[in-house]
N, C-alpha and C. Protein backbone atom coordinates (compact mmCIF):
# COMPACT_ATOMS: atom_id res chain seq x y z
N MET A 1 -29.78 -38.42 18.56
CA MET A 1 -30.11 -37.46 17.43
C MET A 1 -28.94 -36.37 17.38
N ALA A 2 -28.49 -35.96 18.86
CA ALA A 2 -27.88 -34.73 18.86
C ALA A 2 -26.19 -35.61 18.50
N GLU A 3 -25.87 -36.89 19.23
CA GLU A 3 -24.55 -37.22 18.69
C GLU A 3 -24.24 -37.24 17.56
N GLU A 4 -25.60 -37.51 16.53
CA GLU A 4 -25.12 -37.53 15.19
C GLU A 4 -25.04 -36.46 14.62
N TYR A 5 -25.80 -35.73 15.11
CA TYR A 5 -25.43 -34.03 14.29
C TYR A 5 -23.77 -33.63 15.10
N GLU A 6 -23.76 -33.86 16.03
CA GLU A 6 -22.53 -33.61 16.30
C GLU A 6 -21.17 -34.29 15.34
N LYS A 7 -21.53 -35.75 15.41
CA LYS A 7 -20.56 -36.47 14.71
C LYS A 7 -20.41 -35.73 13.00
N LEU A 8 -21.71 -35.18 12.47
CA LEU A 8 -21.33 -34.77 11.14
C LEU A 8 -20.96 -33.58 10.91
N LEU A 9 -20.85 -32.60 12.59
CA LEU A 9 -19.83 -31.55 12.05
C LEU A 9 -18.99 -31.80 12.27
N ASP A 10 -18.62 -32.55 13.11
CA ASP A 10 -16.95 -32.68 13.38
C ASP A 10 -16.62 -33.22 11.94
N LYS A 11 -17.11 -34.14 11.56
CA LYS A 11 -16.75 -34.33 10.20
C LYS A 11 -16.40 -33.54 8.91
N LEU A 12 -17.78 -32.08 8.82
CA LEU A 12 -17.76 -31.15 7.93
C LEU A 12 -16.45 -30.20 8.20
N TYR A 13 -16.28 -30.03 9.53
CA TYR A 13 -15.35 -29.23 9.87
C TYR A 13 -14.11 -30.03 9.64
N SER A 14 -13.74 -31.32 9.52
CA SER A 14 -12.47 -31.65 9.24
C SER A 14 -11.86 -31.79 7.75
N ASN A 15 -13.14 -31.88 7.03
CA ASN A 15 -13.12 -31.50 5.69
C ASN A 15 -12.80 -30.16 4.85
N LEU A 16 -12.83 -28.77 6.08
CA LEU A 16 -12.92 -27.79 5.27
C LEU A 16 -11.16 -27.23 5.35
N PRO A 17 -10.79 -26.55 4.29
CA PRO A 17 -9.76 -26.50 4.30
C PRO A 17 -9.01 -25.00 5.46
N VAL A 18 -8.01 -25.41 5.79
CA VAL A 18 -7.56 -24.34 6.73
C VAL A 18 -7.37 -22.99 6.44
N LYS A 19 -7.65 -22.08 6.57
CA LYS A 19 -7.70 -20.60 6.48
C LYS A 19 -6.24 -20.14 6.69
N ARG A 20 -5.55 -20.02 5.96
CA ARG A 20 -4.18 -19.23 6.06
C ARG A 20 -3.87 -17.71 6.47
N THR A 21 -4.30 -16.80 6.74
CA THR A 21 -3.93 -15.49 6.40
C THR A 21 -3.35 -14.69 7.53
N SER A 22 -3.18 -13.58 7.45
CA SER A 22 -2.06 -13.30 8.30
C SER A 22 -3.04 -12.26 9.64
N GLY A 23 -4.31 -12.09 9.22
CA GLY A 23 -5.27 -11.69 10.14
C GLY A 23 -5.21 -10.32 9.83
N GLU A 24 -4.64 -9.45 8.41
CA GLU A 24 -4.88 -7.98 8.19
C GLU A 24 -5.41 -8.18 6.57
N ARG A 25 -6.12 -7.48 6.41
CA ARG A 25 -6.81 -7.31 5.40
C ARG A 25 -6.00 -6.46 4.28
N PHE A 26 -5.18 -5.94 4.46
CA PHE A 26 -4.21 -4.76 4.10
C PHE A 26 -2.92 -5.11 4.51
N GLU A 27 -2.48 -5.58 3.45
CA GLU A 27 -0.98 -5.54 3.57
C GLU A 27 -0.25 -4.48 2.53
N ILE A 28 0.90 -4.23 2.57
CA ILE A 28 1.33 -3.08 2.18
C ILE A 28 2.21 -3.72 0.57
N PRO A 29 1.83 -3.03 -0.76
CA PRO A 29 2.33 -4.21 -1.66
C PRO A 29 3.93 -3.83 -1.89
N ILE A 30 4.59 -4.97 -2.71
CA ILE A 30 6.06 -4.93 -2.58
C ILE A 30 5.99 -4.47 -4.00
N ALA A 31 7.00 -3.37 -3.94
CA ALA A 31 7.46 -3.25 -5.12
C ALA A 31 8.24 -4.32 -6.16
N ASP A 32 7.65 -4.67 -7.49
CA ASP A 32 8.54 -5.74 -8.27
C ASP A 32 9.54 -4.21 -9.16
N CYS A 33 10.67 -4.43 -8.85
CA CYS A 33 11.88 -3.71 -9.46
C CYS A 33 12.62 -4.27 -10.12
N PHE A 34 13.42 -3.62 -10.80
CA PHE A 34 14.26 -4.37 -11.65
C PHE A 34 15.26 -3.03 -12.52
N LEU A 35 16.42 -3.36 -12.32
CA LEU A 35 17.41 -2.44 -13.34
C LEU A 35 17.40 -2.70 -14.90
N GLN A 36 17.32 -1.79 -15.45
CA GLN A 36 17.79 -1.87 -17.17
C GLN A 36 18.68 -0.34 -17.39
N GLY A 37 19.77 -0.91 -17.53
CA GLY A 37 21.12 0.02 -17.60
C GLY A 37 21.60 0.97 -16.58
N SER A 38 21.03 2.05 -16.38
CA SER A 38 21.51 2.99 -15.05
C SER A 38 20.11 3.62 -14.36
N LYS A 39 18.86 2.95 -14.75
CA LYS A 39 17.33 3.18 -14.49
C LYS A 39 17.00 1.84 -13.51
N THR A 40 16.22 2.64 -12.59
CA THR A 40 15.36 1.52 -11.82
C THR A 40 14.03 1.39 -12.12
N ILE A 41 13.25 0.18 -12.93
CA ILE A 41 12.03 0.38 -13.29
C ILE A 41 11.30 -0.46 -12.29
N ILE A 42 9.98 0.09 -11.75
CA ILE A 42 9.02 -0.76 -10.90
C ILE A 42 7.80 -0.68 -11.61
N ARG A 43 7.79 -2.37 -12.15
CA ARG A 43 6.67 -2.88 -13.31
C ARG A 43 5.35 -2.32 -12.66
N ASN A 44 4.96 -2.55 -11.39
CA ASN A 44 3.50 -2.86 -10.73
C ASN A 44 3.14 -1.48 -10.21
N PHE A 45 3.72 -0.40 -10.60
CA PHE A 45 3.31 0.88 -9.97
C PHE A 45 2.25 1.35 -9.88
N GLY A 46 1.43 0.79 -11.15
CA GLY A 46 -0.22 0.98 -11.01
C GLY A 46 -1.15 0.46 -10.40
N ASP A 47 -0.62 -0.52 -9.87
CA ASP A 47 -1.46 -1.61 -9.36
C ASP A 47 -1.12 -1.23 -7.87
N ILE A 48 0.09 -0.94 -7.47
CA ILE A 48 0.33 -0.25 -5.85
C ILE A 48 -0.35 0.90 -5.87
N CYS A 49 -0.70 1.93 -6.70
CA CYS A 49 -1.52 3.10 -6.28
C CYS A 49 -2.89 2.68 -6.64
N SER A 50 -3.27 1.63 -7.42
CA SER A 50 -4.81 1.61 -6.62
C SER A 50 -5.04 0.75 -5.50
N ARG A 51 -4.22 -0.15 -5.03
CA ARG A 51 -4.19 -0.73 -3.84
C ARG A 51 -4.05 0.34 -2.55
N LEU A 52 -3.21 1.12 -2.89
CA LEU A 52 -3.02 2.04 -1.87
C LEU A 52 -4.16 3.55 -2.10
N ARG A 53 -5.29 3.33 -3.03
CA ARG A 53 -6.11 4.34 -3.49
C ARG A 53 -5.27 5.78 -3.23
N ARG A 54 -4.17 5.98 -4.15
CA ARG A 54 -3.65 7.34 -4.06
C ARG A 54 -3.18 7.65 -5.74
N THR A 55 -3.52 8.83 -6.29
CA THR A 55 -2.88 8.90 -7.67
C THR A 55 -1.42 8.66 -7.88
N PRO A 56 -0.67 8.16 -9.12
CA PRO A 56 0.48 8.10 -9.68
C PRO A 56 1.01 9.41 -9.20
N GLU A 57 0.61 10.47 -9.54
CA GLU A 57 1.29 11.65 -9.27
C GLU A 57 1.78 11.93 -7.87
N GLU A 58 1.02 11.62 -6.85
CA GLU A 58 1.03 11.76 -5.65
C GLU A 58 2.28 10.97 -5.06
N LEU A 59 1.93 9.61 -5.08
CA LEU A 59 3.23 8.75 -4.97
C LEU A 59 4.37 8.88 -5.51
N SER A 60 4.55 9.20 -6.81
CA SER A 60 5.59 9.26 -7.64
C SER A 60 6.47 10.82 -7.21
N LYS A 61 5.69 11.44 -6.76
CA LYS A 61 6.47 12.86 -5.95
C LYS A 61 6.98 12.29 -4.77
N TYR A 62 6.54 11.70 -3.78
CA TYR A 62 6.66 11.47 -2.87
C TYR A 62 8.15 10.34 -2.99
N MET A 63 8.23 9.68 -3.84
CA MET A 63 9.31 8.13 -4.29
C MET A 63 10.57 9.16 -4.72
N PHE A 64 9.96 10.01 -5.88
CA PHE A 64 11.16 10.91 -6.39
C PHE A 64 11.70 12.13 -5.06
N LYS A 65 11.08 12.61 -4.38
CA LYS A 65 11.97 13.21 -3.36
C LYS A 65 12.23 12.42 -2.07
N GLU A 66 11.94 11.23 -1.94
CA GLU A 66 12.56 10.49 -1.17
C GLU A 66 13.82 9.73 -1.74
N LEU A 67 13.82 9.34 -2.66
CA LEU A 67 15.06 8.35 -3.29
C LEU A 67 16.13 9.63 -3.91
N ALA A 68 15.64 10.93 -4.11
CA ALA A 68 16.70 12.24 -4.61
C ALA A 68 17.02 11.58 -5.87
N THR A 69 15.88 11.20 -6.26
CA THR A 69 16.57 10.92 -8.03
C THR A 69 14.92 11.42 -8.89
N PRO A 70 15.45 11.95 -10.33
CA PRO A 70 14.54 12.03 -10.99
C PRO A 70 13.90 10.80 -11.90
N GLY A 71 12.73 10.89 -11.93
CA GLY A 71 11.65 10.41 -13.07
C GLY A 71 10.75 10.24 -13.87
N ALA A 72 10.01 9.60 -14.08
CA ALA A 72 8.86 9.48 -14.86
C ALA A 72 7.73 8.57 -14.77
N ILE A 73 6.35 8.56 -15.00
CA ILE A 73 5.68 7.93 -15.07
C ILE A 73 5.62 7.26 -16.42
N SER A 74 5.85 6.12 -16.85
CA SER A 74 5.17 5.28 -18.18
C SER A 74 4.18 4.40 -18.38
N GLY A 75 2.96 4.71 -18.46
CA GLY A 75 1.86 3.88 -18.24
C GLY A 75 1.78 3.47 -16.98
N GLN A 76 1.79 1.91 -16.87
CA GLN A 76 1.69 1.45 -15.28
C GLN A 76 2.97 1.09 -14.77
N GLN A 77 4.12 1.82 -15.33
CA GLN A 77 5.35 1.85 -14.42
C GLN A 77 6.12 3.34 -14.33
N LEU A 78 6.88 3.14 -13.35
CA LEU A 78 7.73 4.54 -12.59
C LEU A 78 8.92 4.06 -13.15
N ILE A 79 9.62 4.85 -13.75
CA ILE A 79 10.94 4.71 -14.19
C ILE A 79 11.52 5.96 -13.15
N LEU A 80 12.53 5.20 -12.58
CA LEU A 80 13.53 5.97 -11.79
C LEU A 80 14.82 6.11 -12.34
N GLN A 81 15.62 7.57 -12.61
CA GLN A 81 16.52 7.95 -13.46
C GLN A 81 18.19 7.63 -13.16
N SER A 82 18.10 6.48 -11.79
CA SER A 82 19.43 5.76 -11.32
C SER A 82 18.69 4.63 -10.63
N LYS A 83 20.21 3.85 -10.41
CA LYS A 83 20.06 2.78 -9.67
C LYS A 83 19.54 3.04 -8.47
N VAL A 84 18.86 2.16 -8.17
CA VAL A 84 18.22 2.21 -6.66
C VAL A 84 17.68 0.81 -5.93
N ASN A 85 18.47 0.28 -4.88
CA ASN A 85 18.03 -1.06 -4.53
C ASN A 85 16.76 -1.22 -4.52
N PRO A 86 16.18 -2.25 -4.78
CA PRO A 86 15.00 -3.00 -4.26
C PRO A 86 14.46 -2.39 -3.07
N ARG A 87 15.13 -3.19 -1.96
CA ARG A 87 14.85 -3.28 -0.49
C ARG A 87 14.80 -1.93 -0.19
N LEU A 88 15.47 -0.59 -0.58
CA LEU A 88 14.97 0.73 -0.44
C LEU A 88 13.69 1.17 -0.94
N VAL A 89 13.51 0.97 -2.41
CA VAL A 89 12.26 1.24 -2.75
C VAL A 89 11.09 1.02 -1.87
N ASN A 90 10.93 -0.45 -1.49
CA ASN A 90 10.32 -0.89 -0.38
C ASN A 90 9.82 -0.14 0.72
N GLU A 91 11.28 -0.01 1.13
CA GLU A 91 11.33 0.63 2.58
C GLU A 91 10.29 2.21 2.15
N LYS A 92 10.66 2.95 1.60
CA LYS A 92 10.46 4.24 1.13
C LYS A 92 8.88 3.90 1.08
N LEU A 93 8.16 2.50 0.43
CA LEU A 93 6.91 2.43 0.01
C LEU A 93 6.57 2.27 1.27
N THR A 94 6.82 1.81 2.65
CA THR A 94 6.45 1.47 3.64
C THR A 94 6.07 2.60 4.53
N SER A 95 7.15 3.39 4.44
CA SER A 95 7.02 4.86 4.99
C SER A 95 6.21 5.77 4.42
N TYR A 96 5.49 5.69 3.44
CA TYR A 96 4.50 6.30 2.43
C TYR A 96 3.46 6.10 2.92
N CYS A 97 3.13 4.55 3.24
CA CYS A 97 2.12 4.14 3.56
C CYS A 97 1.76 4.59 5.05
N GLU A 98 3.10 4.52 6.04
CA GLU A 98 2.60 5.20 7.07
C GLU A 98 2.03 6.28 7.72
N ILE A 99 2.69 7.12 6.63
CA ILE A 99 2.46 8.51 6.94
C ILE A 99 1.48 8.80 6.13
N TYR A 100 1.13 8.47 4.68
CA TYR A 100 -0.13 9.04 3.93
C TYR A 100 -1.33 8.33 3.80
N VAL A 101 -1.61 7.05 4.37
CA VAL A 101 -2.65 5.95 3.67
C VAL A 101 -3.10 5.49 5.40
N ILE A 102 -2.08 5.12 6.14
CA ILE A 102 -2.88 4.63 7.49
C ILE A 102 -3.11 5.62 8.33
N CYS A 103 -4.44 5.39 9.02
CA CYS A 103 -4.71 6.24 10.06
C CYS A 103 -4.13 5.95 11.34
N ARG A 104 -3.47 7.01 11.52
CA ARG A 104 -2.93 6.96 13.27
C ARG A 104 -3.98 6.58 14.49
N GLU A 105 -5.02 7.04 13.92
CA GLU A 105 -6.07 6.56 15.42
C GLU A 105 -6.46 5.50 15.51
N CYS A 106 -6.90 4.72 14.35
CA CYS A 106 -7.43 3.36 14.43
C CYS A 106 -6.58 2.48 13.62
N GLY A 107 -5.67 2.64 12.90
CA GLY A 107 -4.50 2.03 12.16
C GLY A 107 -5.22 1.47 10.88
N LYS A 108 -6.31 2.14 10.26
CA LYS A 108 -6.90 1.36 8.97
C LYS A 108 -6.73 2.18 8.01
N PRO A 109 -6.48 1.49 6.82
CA PRO A 109 -5.99 2.11 5.75
C PRO A 109 -6.89 2.96 4.71
N ASP A 110 -8.50 2.59 5.44
CA ASP A 110 -9.46 3.54 5.07
C ASP A 110 -9.70 4.71 4.79
N THR A 111 -8.44 5.39 4.02
CA THR A 111 -8.54 6.80 4.22
C THR A 111 -8.07 7.70 2.94
N HIS A 112 -8.32 9.18 2.63
CA HIS A 112 -8.40 9.24 1.38
C HIS A 112 -7.64 11.07 1.64
N LEU A 113 -6.93 11.50 0.84
CA LEU A 113 -6.32 13.11 1.12
C LEU A 113 -7.07 14.46 0.73
N ASP A 114 -7.44 14.81 1.44
CA ASP A 114 -8.01 16.29 0.83
C ASP A 114 -7.18 17.29 0.91
N ALA A 115 -7.41 18.16 -0.61
CA ALA A 115 -6.31 19.32 -0.46
C ALA A 115 -6.64 21.05 0.39
N VAL A 116 -5.74 21.18 0.92
CA VAL A 116 -6.22 22.27 1.65
C VAL A 116 -5.73 23.63 1.14
N ASP A 117 -4.03 23.31 1.02
CA ASP A 117 -3.44 24.09 0.65
C ASP A 117 -2.00 23.63 -0.26
N ARG A 118 -1.38 24.37 -1.40
CA ARG A 118 -0.61 23.63 -2.16
C ARG A 118 0.68 22.19 -1.59
N ASN A 119 0.47 23.11 -0.14
CA ASN A 119 1.94 21.98 0.28
C ASN A 119 1.12 20.76 1.50
N VAL A 120 0.16 21.61 1.74
CA VAL A 120 -0.44 20.42 3.17
C VAL A 120 -1.64 20.27 2.76
N ARG A 121 -1.88 18.75 3.34
CA ARG A 121 -3.32 17.98 2.60
C ARG A 121 -3.52 17.77 4.07
N ILE A 122 -4.99 16.88 3.98
CA ILE A 122 -5.55 16.34 5.29
C ILE A 122 -5.91 14.89 5.14
N LEU A 123 -5.71 14.27 5.94
CA LEU A 123 -5.49 12.58 5.93
C LEU A 123 -7.03 12.47 6.46
N VAL A 124 -7.78 12.25 5.93
CA VAL A 124 -9.36 11.58 6.31
C VAL A 124 -9.65 10.39 6.23
N CYS A 125 -9.72 9.99 7.49
CA CYS A 125 -10.31 8.21 7.67
C CYS A 125 -11.40 8.19 7.39
N GLU A 126 -11.99 7.35 6.73
CA GLU A 126 -13.44 6.73 6.40
C GLU A 126 -13.82 5.83 7.54
N ALA A 127 -12.85 5.32 8.06
CA ALA A 127 -13.44 4.56 9.40
C ALA A 127 -14.01 4.99 10.42
N CYS A 128 -12.99 6.07 11.04
CA CYS A 128 -13.12 6.48 12.29
C CYS A 128 -13.65 8.11 12.12
N GLY A 129 -13.45 8.50 11.25
CA GLY A 129 -13.40 9.78 10.80
C GLY A 129 -12.39 10.95 11.21
N ALA A 130 -11.28 10.45 11.52
CA ALA A 130 -10.49 11.45 12.16
C ALA A 130 -9.43 11.87 11.09
N LYS A 131 -8.87 13.41 11.43
CA LYS A 131 -8.59 14.15 10.48
C LYS A 131 -6.91 14.35 10.64
N LYS A 132 -6.06 14.65 9.89
CA LYS A 132 -4.94 14.96 10.67
C LYS A 132 -4.45 15.28 8.85
N PRO A 133 -3.66 16.88 9.57
CA PRO A 133 -2.54 17.59 8.36
C PRO A 133 -1.45 16.53 8.01
N VAL A 134 -1.21 16.62 6.68
CA VAL A 134 0.00 15.90 6.60
C VAL A 134 0.88 16.81 5.55
N ARG A 135 2.37 17.35 5.84
CA ARG A 135 2.75 18.05 5.05
C ARG A 135 2.83 17.24 3.68
N PHE A 136 3.08 17.68 2.01
CA PHE A 136 3.29 16.76 0.93
C PHE A 136 3.89 17.61 0.21
């Protein structure tokens, strides 16, 4: 009886598909950029903001400052008023996540920003409860 059970289990496990995940439940989104004339447009900016759980204004302010270019939010897109390499946009997006999204104590992305002052916010981790002031 036990041998039949083991054979059935082996057969069941051999028919299951193999899960291929990186092990992380949070992956930093990749910006879908394209050039239009002298402008760079990030098509999936709204999706990036929702996945990072940040407002478009917060993320766009950081991107404008770091990329040293003016721009505007147009619907679900971010329009940068100069030609910017997509690799550089993704590097800045990664650095934003490291500073303003991922908790420094536990490494989880379950955080939110509390406003304290005009230029200072508190990064509050919802997983471990850690609080860290960040300059905005």
